[in-house]
Amino acid sequence: MTSAAPMLSRPLFDRIRDALSTSPYVPNQGVDVETADGHVVLRGYVKTFFQKQMAQETVRRIDGVQQVENLLQVNWA
């Protein structure tokens, strides 16, 4: 059995990037992340509103995240 302690010791930014990069619903490119004291800002471009929402939900579920500001823009092209 693994402990959650090693995971929490990793920087929040790294845990967010890992979660976004392994999500099948979020594009691997185009999402920039900023973190400060549990506040997360998502910026960049995605192709659908679904991807925008899934990026936010993926980040929201990570321990240590207190607030998500989703500034992702949907670019249909």
PDB file of N, CA and C in Angstrom:
ATOM      1  N   MET A   1       0.846  -1.180   0.000  1.00  0.00           N
ATOM      2  CA  MET A   1       0.000   0.000   0.000  1.00  0.00           C
ATOM      3  C   MET A   1       0.889   1.239   0.000  1.00  0.00           C
ATOM      4  N   THR A   2       0.540   2.207  -0.836  1.00  0.00           N
ATOM      5  CA  THR A   2       1.326   3.434  -0.900  1.00  0.00           C
ATOM      6  C   THR A   2       0.679   4.513  -0.059  1.00  0.00           C
ATOM      7  N   SER A   3       1.481   5.413   0.387  1.00  0.00           N
ATOM      8  CA  SER A   3       1.004   6.498   1.229  1.00  0.00           C
ATOM      9  C   SER A   3       0.765   7.745   0.387  1.00  0.00           C
ATOM     10  N   ALA A   4      -0.177   8.575   0.807  1.00  0.00           N
ATOM     11  CA  ALA A   4      -0.455   9.832   0.102  1.00  0.00           C
ATOM     12  C   ALA A   4       0.591  10.888   0.429  1.00  0.00           C
ATOM     13  N   ALA A   5       1.353  10.697   1.481  1.00  0.00           N
ATOM     14  CA  ALA A   5       2.327  11.703   1.900  1.00  0.00           C
ATOM     15  C   ALA A   5       3.352  12.037   0.819  1.00  0.00           C
ATOM     16  N   PRO A   6       3.935  11.048   0.120  1.00  0.00           N
ATOM     17  CA  PRO A   6       4.893  11.414  -0.929  1.00  0.00           C
ATOM     18  C   PRO A   6       4.254  12.245  -2.032  1.00  0.00           C
ATOM     19  N   MET A   7       3.001  11.966  -2.361  1.00  0.00           N
ATOM     20  CA  MET A   7       2.314  12.713  -3.401  1.00  0.00           C
ATOM     21  C   MET A   7       2.111  14.159  -2.964  1.00  0.00           C
ATOM     22  N   LEU A   8       1.726  14.380  -1.725  1.00  0.00           N
ATOM     23  CA  LEU A   8       1.497  15.730  -1.243  1.00  0.00           C
ATOM     24  C   LEU A   8       2.788  16.522  -1.095  1.00  0.00           C
ATOM     25  N   SER A   9       3.919  15.818  -0.968  1.00  0.00           N
ATOM     26  CA  SER A   9       5.181  16.523  -0.823  1.00  0.00           C
ATOM     27  C   SER A   9       5.663  17.092  -2.157  1.00  0.00           C
ATOM     28  N   ARG A  10       5.111  16.598  -3.253  1.00  0.00           N
ATOM     29  CA  ARG A  10       5.459  17.152  -4.570  1.00  0.00           C
ATOM     30  C   ARG A  10       4.797  18.516  -4.725  1.00  0.00           C
ATOM     31  N   PRO A  11       5.460  19.429  -5.409  1.00  0.00           N
ATOM     32  CA  PRO A  11       4.863  20.757  -5.607  1.00  0.00           C
ATOM     33  C   PRO A  11       3.497  20.665  -6.293  1.00  0.00           C
ATOM     34  N   LEU A  12       2.608  21.544  -5.901  1.00  0.00           N
ATOM     35  CA  LEU A  12       1.260  21.564  -6.457  1.00  0.00           C
ATOM     36  C   LEU A  12       1.295  21.704  -7.974  1.00  0.00           C
ATOM     37  N   PHE A  13       2.162  22.554  -8.481  1.00  0.00           N
ATOM     38  CA  PHE A  13       2.265  22.748  -9.929  1.00  0.00           C
ATOM     39  C   PHE A  13       2.542  21.426 -10.637  1.00  0.00           C
ATOM     40  N   ASP A  14       3.469  20.629 -10.113  1.00  0.00           N
ATOM     41  CA  ASP A  14       3.817  19.351 -10.733  1.00  0.00           C
ATOM     42  C   ASP A  14       2.644  18.382 -10.712  1.00  0.00           C
ATOM     43  N   ARG A  15       1.913  18.343  -9.613  1.00  0.00           N
ATOM     44  CA  ARG A  15       0.759  17.453  -9.522  1.00  0.00           C
ATOM     45  C   ARG A  15      -0.331  17.861 -10.507  1.00  0.00           C
ATOM     46  N   ILE A  16      -0.509  19.175 -10.691  1.00  0.00           N
ATOM     47  CA  ILE A  16      -1.500  19.660 -11.647  1.00  0.00           C
ATOM     48  C   ILE A  16      -1.089  19.304 -13.067  1.00  0.00           C
ATOM     49  N   ARG A  17       0.167  19.562 -13.409  1.00  0.00           N
ATOM     50  CA  ARG A  17       0.643  19.243 -14.764  1.00  0.00           C
ATOM     51  C   ARG A  17       0.502  17.754 -15.056  1.00  0.00           C
ATOM     52  N   ASP A  18       0.835  16.909 -14.085  1.00  0.00           N
ATOM     53  CA  ASP A  18       0.697  15.464 -14.270  1.00  0.00           C
ATOM     54  C   ASP A  18      -0.759  15.076 -14.507  1.00  0.00           C
ATOM     55  N   ALA A  19      -1.656  15.642 -13.708  1.00  0.00           N
ATOM     56  CA  ALA A  19      -3.079  15.318 -13.842  1.00  0.00           C
ATOM     57  C   ALA A  19      -3.624  15.762 -15.194  1.00  0.00           C
ATOM     58  N   LEU A  20      -3.259  16.953 -15.632  1.00  0.00           N
ATOM     59  CA  LEU A  20      -3.732  17.442 -16.925  1.00  0.00           C
ATOM     60  C   LEU A  20      -3.145  16.631 -18.074  1.00  0.00           C
ATOM     61  N   SER A  21      -1.875  16.268 -17.964  1.00  0.00           N
ATOM     62  CA  SER A  21      -1.236  15.538 -19.068  1.00  0.00           C
ATOM     63  C   SER A  21      -1.733  14.107 -19.189  1.00  0.00           C
ATOM     64  N   THR A  22      -2.279  13.545 -18.126  1.00  0.00           N
ATOM     65  CA  THR A  22      -2.782  12.169 -18.197  1.00  0.00           C
ATOM     66  C   THR A  22      -4.295  12.105 -18.404  1.00  0.00           C
ATOM     67  N   SER A  23      -4.963  13.251 -18.391  1.00  0.00           N
ATOM     68  CA  SER A  23      -6.404  13.258 -18.624  1.00  0.00           C
ATOM     69  C   SER A  23      -6.697  13.021 -20.103  1.00  0.00           C
ATOM     70  N   PRO A  24      -7.577  12.076 -20.410  1.00  0.00           N
ATOM     71  CA  PRO A  24      -7.923  11.844 -21.826  1.00  0.00           C
ATOM     72  C   PRO A  24      -8.818  12.940 -22.395  1.00  0.00           C
ATOM     73  N   TYR A  25      -9.305  13.836 -21.545  1.00  0.00           N
ATOM     74  CA  TYR A  25     -10.248  14.861 -21.968  1.00  0.00           C
ATOM     75  C   TYR A  25      -9.630  16.235 -22.162  1.00  0.00           C
ATOM     76  N   VAL A  26      -8.355  16.375 -21.819  1.00  0.00           N
ATOM     77  CA  VAL A  26      -7.690  17.677 -21.894  1.00  0.00           C
ATOM     78  C   VAL A  26      -6.527  17.564 -22.871  1.00  0.00           C
ATOM     79  N   PRO A  27      -6.403  18.508 -23.815  1.00  0.00           N
ATOM     80  CA  PRO A  27      -5.290  18.436 -24.763  1.00  0.00           C
ATOM     81  C   PRO A  27      -3.945  18.613 -24.048  1.00  0.00           C
ATOM     82  N   ASN A  28      -2.931  17.902 -24.540  1.00  0.00           N
ATOM     83  CA  ASN A  28      -1.603  17.978 -23.928  1.00  0.00           C
ATOM     84  C   ASN A  28      -0.921  19.316 -24.183  1.00  0.00           C
ATOM     85  N   GLN A  29      -1.334  20.011 -25.185  1.00  0.00           N
ATOM     86  CA  GLN A  29      -0.761  21.317 -25.518  1.00  0.00           C
ATOM     87  C   GLN A  29      -1.814  22.397 -25.299  1.00  0.00           C
ATOM     88  N   GLY A  30      -1.379  23.599 -25.040  1.00  0.00           N
ATOM     89  CA  GLY A  30      -2.290  24.731 -25.027  1.00  0.00           C
ATOM     90  C   GLY A  30      -2.822  25.156 -23.680  1.00  0.00           C
ATOM     91  N   VAL A  31      -2.522  24.414 -22.612  1.00  0.00           N
ATOM     92  CA  VAL A  31      -3.006  24.794 -21.287  1.00  0.00           C
ATOM     93  C   VAL A  31      -1.813  25.199 -20.424  1.00  0.00           C
ATOM     94  N   ASP A  32      -1.797  26.457 -20.007  1.00  0.00           N
ATOM     95  CA  ASP A  32      -0.752  26.962 -19.113  1.00  0.00           C
ATOM     96  C   ASP A  32      -1.320  27.037 -17.707  1.00  0.00           C
ATOM     97  N   VAL A  33      -0.472  26.739 -16.723  1.00  0.00           N
ATOM     98  CA  VAL A  33      -0.900  26.686 -15.327  1.00  0.00           C
ATOM     99  C   VAL A  33      -0.044  27.619 -14.486  1.00  0.00           C
ATOM    100  N   GLU A  34      -0.700  28.388 -13.628  1.00  0.00           N
ATOM    101  CA  GLU A  34      -0.008  29.202 -12.626  1.00  0.00           C
ATOM    102  C   GLU A  34      -0.583  28.818 -11.267  1.00  0.00           C
ATOM    103  N   THR A  35       0.276  28.694 -10.258  1.00  0.00           N
ATOM    104  CA  THR A  35      -0.195  28.368  -8.915  1.00  0.00           C
ATOM    105  C   THR A  35       0.431  29.298  -7.886  1.00  0.00           C
ATOM    106  N   ALA A  36      -0.338  29.601  -6.862  1.00  0.00           N
ATOM    107  CA  ALA A  36       0.155  30.384  -5.734  1.00  0.00           C
ATOM    108  C   ALA A  36      -0.767  30.152  -4.547  1.00  0.00           C
ATOM    109  N   ASP A  37      -0.245  29.542  -3.526  1.00  0.00           N
ATOM    110  CA  ASP A  37      -0.985  29.331  -2.271  1.00  0.00           C
ATOM    111  C   ASP A  37      -2.354  28.692  -2.472  1.00  0.00           C
ATOM    112  N   GLY A  38      -2.423  27.659  -3.288  1.00  0.00           N
ATOM    113  CA  GLY A  38      -3.676  26.947  -3.509  1.00  0.00           C
ATOM    114  C   GLY A  38      -4.581  27.557  -4.562  1.00  0.00           C
ATOM    115  N   HIS A  39      -4.209  28.729  -5.061  1.00  0.00           N
ATOM    116  CA  HIS A  39      -4.966  29.392  -6.132  1.00  0.00           C
ATOM    117  C   HIS A  39      -4.347  28.979  -7.465  1.00  0.00           C
ATOM    118  N   VAL A  40      -5.170  28.469  -8.369  1.00  0.00           N
ATOM    119  CA  VAL A  40      -4.691  27.983  -9.664  1.00  0.00           C
ATOM    120  C   VAL A  40      -5.356  28.789 -10.769  1.00  0.00           C
ATOM    121  N   VAL A  41      -4.546  29.221 -11.729  1.00  0.00           N
ATOM    122  CA  VAL A  41      -5.057  29.927 -12.897  1.00  0.00           C
ATOM    123  C   VAL A  41      -4.739  29.080 -14.125  1.00  0.00           C
ATOM    124  N   LEU A  42      -5.779  28.801 -14.912  1.00  0.00           N
ATOM    125  CA  LEU A  42      -5.618  28.083 -16.178  1.00  0.00           C
ATOM    126  C   LEU A  42      -5.761  29.084 -17.310  1.00  0.00           C
ATOM    127  N   ARG A  43      -4.781  29.099 -18.209  1.00  0.00           N
ATOM    128  CA  ARG A  43      -4.806  30.002 -19.368  1.00  0.00           C
ATOM    129  C   ARG A  43      -4.464  29.201 -20.610  1.00  0.00           C
ATOM    130  N   GLY A  44      -4.852  29.733 -21.742  1.00  0.00           N
ATOM    131  CA  GLY A  44      -4.515  29.112 -23.007  1.00  0.00           C
ATOM    132  C   GLY A  44      -5.762  28.829 -23.824  1.00  0.00           C
ATOM    133  N   TYR A  45      -5.632  27.861 -24.730  1.00  0.00           N
ATOM    134  CA  TYR A  45      -6.701  27.569 -25.671  1.00  0.00           C
ATOM    135  C   TYR A  45      -7.007  26.084 -25.695  1.00  0.00           C
ATOM    136  N   VAL A  46      -8.291  25.776 -25.774  1.00  0.00           N
ATOM    137  CA  VAL A  46      -8.765  24.413 -25.985  1.00  0.00           C
ATOM    138  C   VAL A  46      -9.751  24.459 -27.143  1.00  0.00           C
ATOM    139  N   LYS A  47     -10.148  23.277 -27.653  1.00  0.00           N
ATOM    140  CA  LYS A  47     -11.000  23.242 -28.839  1.00  0.00           C
ATOM    141  C   LYS A  47     -12.492  23.185 -28.532  1.00  0.00           C
ATOM    142  N   THR A  48     -12.860  22.808 -27.309  1.00  0.00           N
ATOM    143  CA  THR A  48     -14.279  22.697 -26.983  1.00  0.00           C
ATOM    144  C   THR A  48     -14.545  23.195 -25.561  1.00  0.00           C
ATOM    145  N   PHE A  49     -15.809  23.510 -25.300  1.00  0.00           N
ATOM    146  CA  PHE A  49     -16.203  23.893 -23.947  1.00  0.00           C
ATOM    147  C   PHE A  49     -16.081  22.696 -23.003  1.00  0.00           C
ATOM    148  N   PHE A  50     -16.277  21.492 -23.540  1.00  0.00           N
ATOM    149  CA  PHE A  50     -16.109  20.283 -22.735  1.00  0.00           C
ATOM    150  C   PHE A  50     -14.672  20.183 -22.217  1.00  0.00           C
ATOM    151  N   GLN A  51     -13.689  20.415 -23.083  1.00  0.00           N
ATOM    152  CA  GLN A  51     -12.287  20.371 -22.661  1.00  0.00           C
ATOM    153  C   GLN A  51     -12.007  21.431 -21.604  1.00  0.00           C
ATOM    154  N   LYS A  52     -12.592  22.607 -21.761  1.00  0.00           N
ATOM    155  CA  LYS A  52     -12.405  23.679 -20.776  1.00  0.00           C
ATOM    156  C   LYS A  52     -12.936  23.235 -19.418  1.00  0.00           C
ATOM    157  N   GLN A  53     -14.122  22.670 -19.394  1.00  0.00           N
ATOM    158  CA  GLN A  53     -14.723  22.231 -18.143  1.00  0.00           C
ATOM    159  C   GLN A  53     -13.951  21.060 -17.536  1.00  0.00           C
ATOM    160  N   MET A  54     -13.507  20.127 -18.357  1.00  0.00           N
ATOM    161  CA  MET A  54     -12.773  18.970 -17.846  1.00  0.00           C
ATOM    162  C   MET A  54     -11.415  19.376 -17.280  1.00  0.00           C
ATOM    163  N   ALA A  55     -10.781  20.369 -17.872  1.00  0.00           N
ATOM    164  CA  ALA A  55      -9.516  20.864 -17.313  1.00  0.00           C
ATOM    165  C   ALA A  55      -9.754  21.413 -15.917  1.00  0.00           C
ATOM    166  N   GLN A  56     -10.815  22.174 -15.758  1.00  0.00           N
ATOM    167  CA  GLN A  56     -11.139  22.752 -14.451  1.00  0.00           C
ATOM    168  C   GLN A  56     -11.464  21.657 -13.440  1.00  0.00           C
ATOM    169  N   GLU A  57     -12.264  20.678 -13.828  1.00  0.00           N
ATOM    170  CA  GLU A  57     -12.647  19.607 -12.906  1.00  0.00           C
ATOM    171  C   GLU A  57     -11.451  18.740 -12.532  1.00  0.00           C
ATOM    172  N   THR A  58     -10.556  18.514 -13.464  1.00  0.00           N
ATOM    173  CA  THR A  58      -9.349  17.734 -13.190  1.00  0.00           C
ATOM    174  C   THR A  58      -8.504  18.426 -12.125  1.00  0.00           C
ATOM    175  N   VAL A  59      -8.342  19.726 -12.255  1.00  0.00           N
ATOM    176  CA  VAL A  59      -7.530  20.500 -11.318  1.00  0.00           C
ATOM    177  C   VAL A  59      -8.227  20.641  -9.967  1.00  0.00           C
ATOM    178  N   ARG A  60      -9.511  20.866  -9.987  1.00  0.00           N
ATOM    179  CA  ARG A  60     -10.284  21.099  -8.762  1.00  0.00           C
ATOM    180  C   ARG A  60     -10.179  19.938  -7.774  1.00  0.00           C
ATOM    181  N   ARG A  61     -10.005  18.734  -8.269  1.00  0.00           N
ATOM    182  CA  ARG A  61      -9.979  17.538  -7.424  1.00  0.00           C
ATOM    183  C   ARG A  61      -8.625  17.242  -6.785  1.00  0.00           C
ATOM    184  N   ILE A  62      -7.617  18.030  -7.078  1.00  0.00           N
ATOM    185  CA  ILE A  62      -6.269  17.782  -6.564  1.00  0.00           C
ATOM    186  C   ILE A  62      -6.136  18.368  -5.162  1.00  0.00           C
ATOM    187  N   ASP A  63      -5.613  17.555  -4.248  1.00  0.00           N
ATOM    188  CA  ASP A  63      -5.392  18.033  -2.877  1.00  0.00           C
ATOM    189  C   ASP A  63      -4.482  19.259  -2.892  1.00  0.00           C
ATOM    190  N   GLY A  64      -4.866  20.275  -2.168  1.00  0.00           N
ATOM    191  CA  GLY A  64      -4.084  21.502  -2.089  1.00  0.00           C
ATOM    192  C   GLY A  64      -4.656  22.626  -2.930  1.00  0.00           C
ATOM    193  N   VAL A  65      -5.526  22.288  -3.874  1.00  0.00           N
ATOM    194  CA  VAL A  65      -6.163  23.318  -4.706  1.00  0.00           C
ATOM    195  C   VAL A  65      -7.344  23.879  -3.930  1.00  0.00           C
ATOM    196  N   GLN A  66      -7.328  25.189  -3.743  1.00  0.00           N
ATOM    197  CA  GLN A  66      -8.401  25.851  -3.012  1.00  0.00           C
ATOM    198  C   GLN A  66      -9.327  26.637  -3.927  1.00  0.00           C
ATOM    199  N   GLN A  67      -8.773  27.125  -5.039  1.00  0.00           N
ATOM    200  CA  GLN A  67      -9.568  27.934  -5.964  1.00  0.00           C
ATOM    201  C   GLN A  67      -9.013  27.750  -7.370  1.00  0.00           C
ATOM    202  N   VAL A  68      -9.911  27.659  -8.357  1.00  0.00           N
ATOM    203  CA  VAL A  68      -9.500  27.546  -9.757  1.00  0.00           C
ATOM    204  C   VAL A  68     -10.100  28.710 -10.526  1.00  0.00           C
ATOM    205  N   GLU A  69      -9.240  29.445 -11.198  1.00  0.00           N
ATOM    206  CA  GLU A  69      -9.673  30.523 -12.084  1.00  0.00           C
ATOM    207  C   GLU A  69      -9.452  30.027 -13.509  1.00  0.00           C
ATOM    208  N   ASN A  70     -10.531  29.711 -14.182  1.00  0.00           N
ATOM    209  CA  ASN A  70     -10.455  29.112 -15.509  1.00  0.00           C
ATOM    210  C   ASN A  70     -10.558  30.193 -16.577  1.00  0.00           C
ATOM    211  N   LEU A  71      -9.413  30.596 -17.110  1.00  0.00           N
ATOM    212  CA  LEU A  71      -9.360  31.619 -18.156  1.00  0.00           C
ATOM    213  C   LEU A  71      -9.101  30.997 -19.527  1.00  0.00           C
ATOM    214  N   LEU A  72      -9.292  29.683 -19.634  1.00  0.00           N
ATOM    215  CA  LEU A  72      -9.104  29.028 -20.928  1.00  0.00           C
ATOM    216  C   LEU A  72     -10.101  29.567 -21.940  1.00  0.00           C
ATOM    217  N   GLN A  73      -9.645  29.731 -23.171  1.00  0.00           N
ATOM    218  CA  GLN A  73     -10.494  30.217 -24.236  1.00  0.00           C
ATOM    219  C   GLN A  73     -10.742  29.085 -25.214  1.00  0.00           C
ATOM    220  N   VAL A  74     -11.967  29.013 -25.722  1.00  0.00           N
ATOM    221  CA  VAL A  74     -12.319  27.990 -26.689  1.00  0.00           C
ATOM    222  C   VAL A  74     -12.068  28.538 -28.088  1.00  0.00           C
ATOM    223  N   ASN A  75     -11.228  27.819 -28.824  1.00  0.00           N
ATOM    224  CA  ASN A  75     -10.897  28.195 -30.208  1.00  0.00           C
ATOM    225  C   ASN A  75     -11.385  27.079 -31.110  1.00  0.00           C
ATOM    226  N   TRP A  76     -12.494  27.319 -31.771  1.00  0.00           N
ATOM    227  CA  TRP A  76     -13.122  26.282 -32.602  1.00  0.00           C
ATOM    228  C   TRP A  76     -12.302  25.932 -33.828  1.00  0.00           C
ATOM    229  N   ALA A  77     -11.400  26.788 -34.253  1.00  0.00           N
ATOM    230  CA  ALA A  77     -10.644  26.552 -35.493  1.00  0.00           C
ATOM    231  C   ALA A  77      -9.617  25.464 -35.357  1.00  0.00           C
TER     232      ALA A  77
END
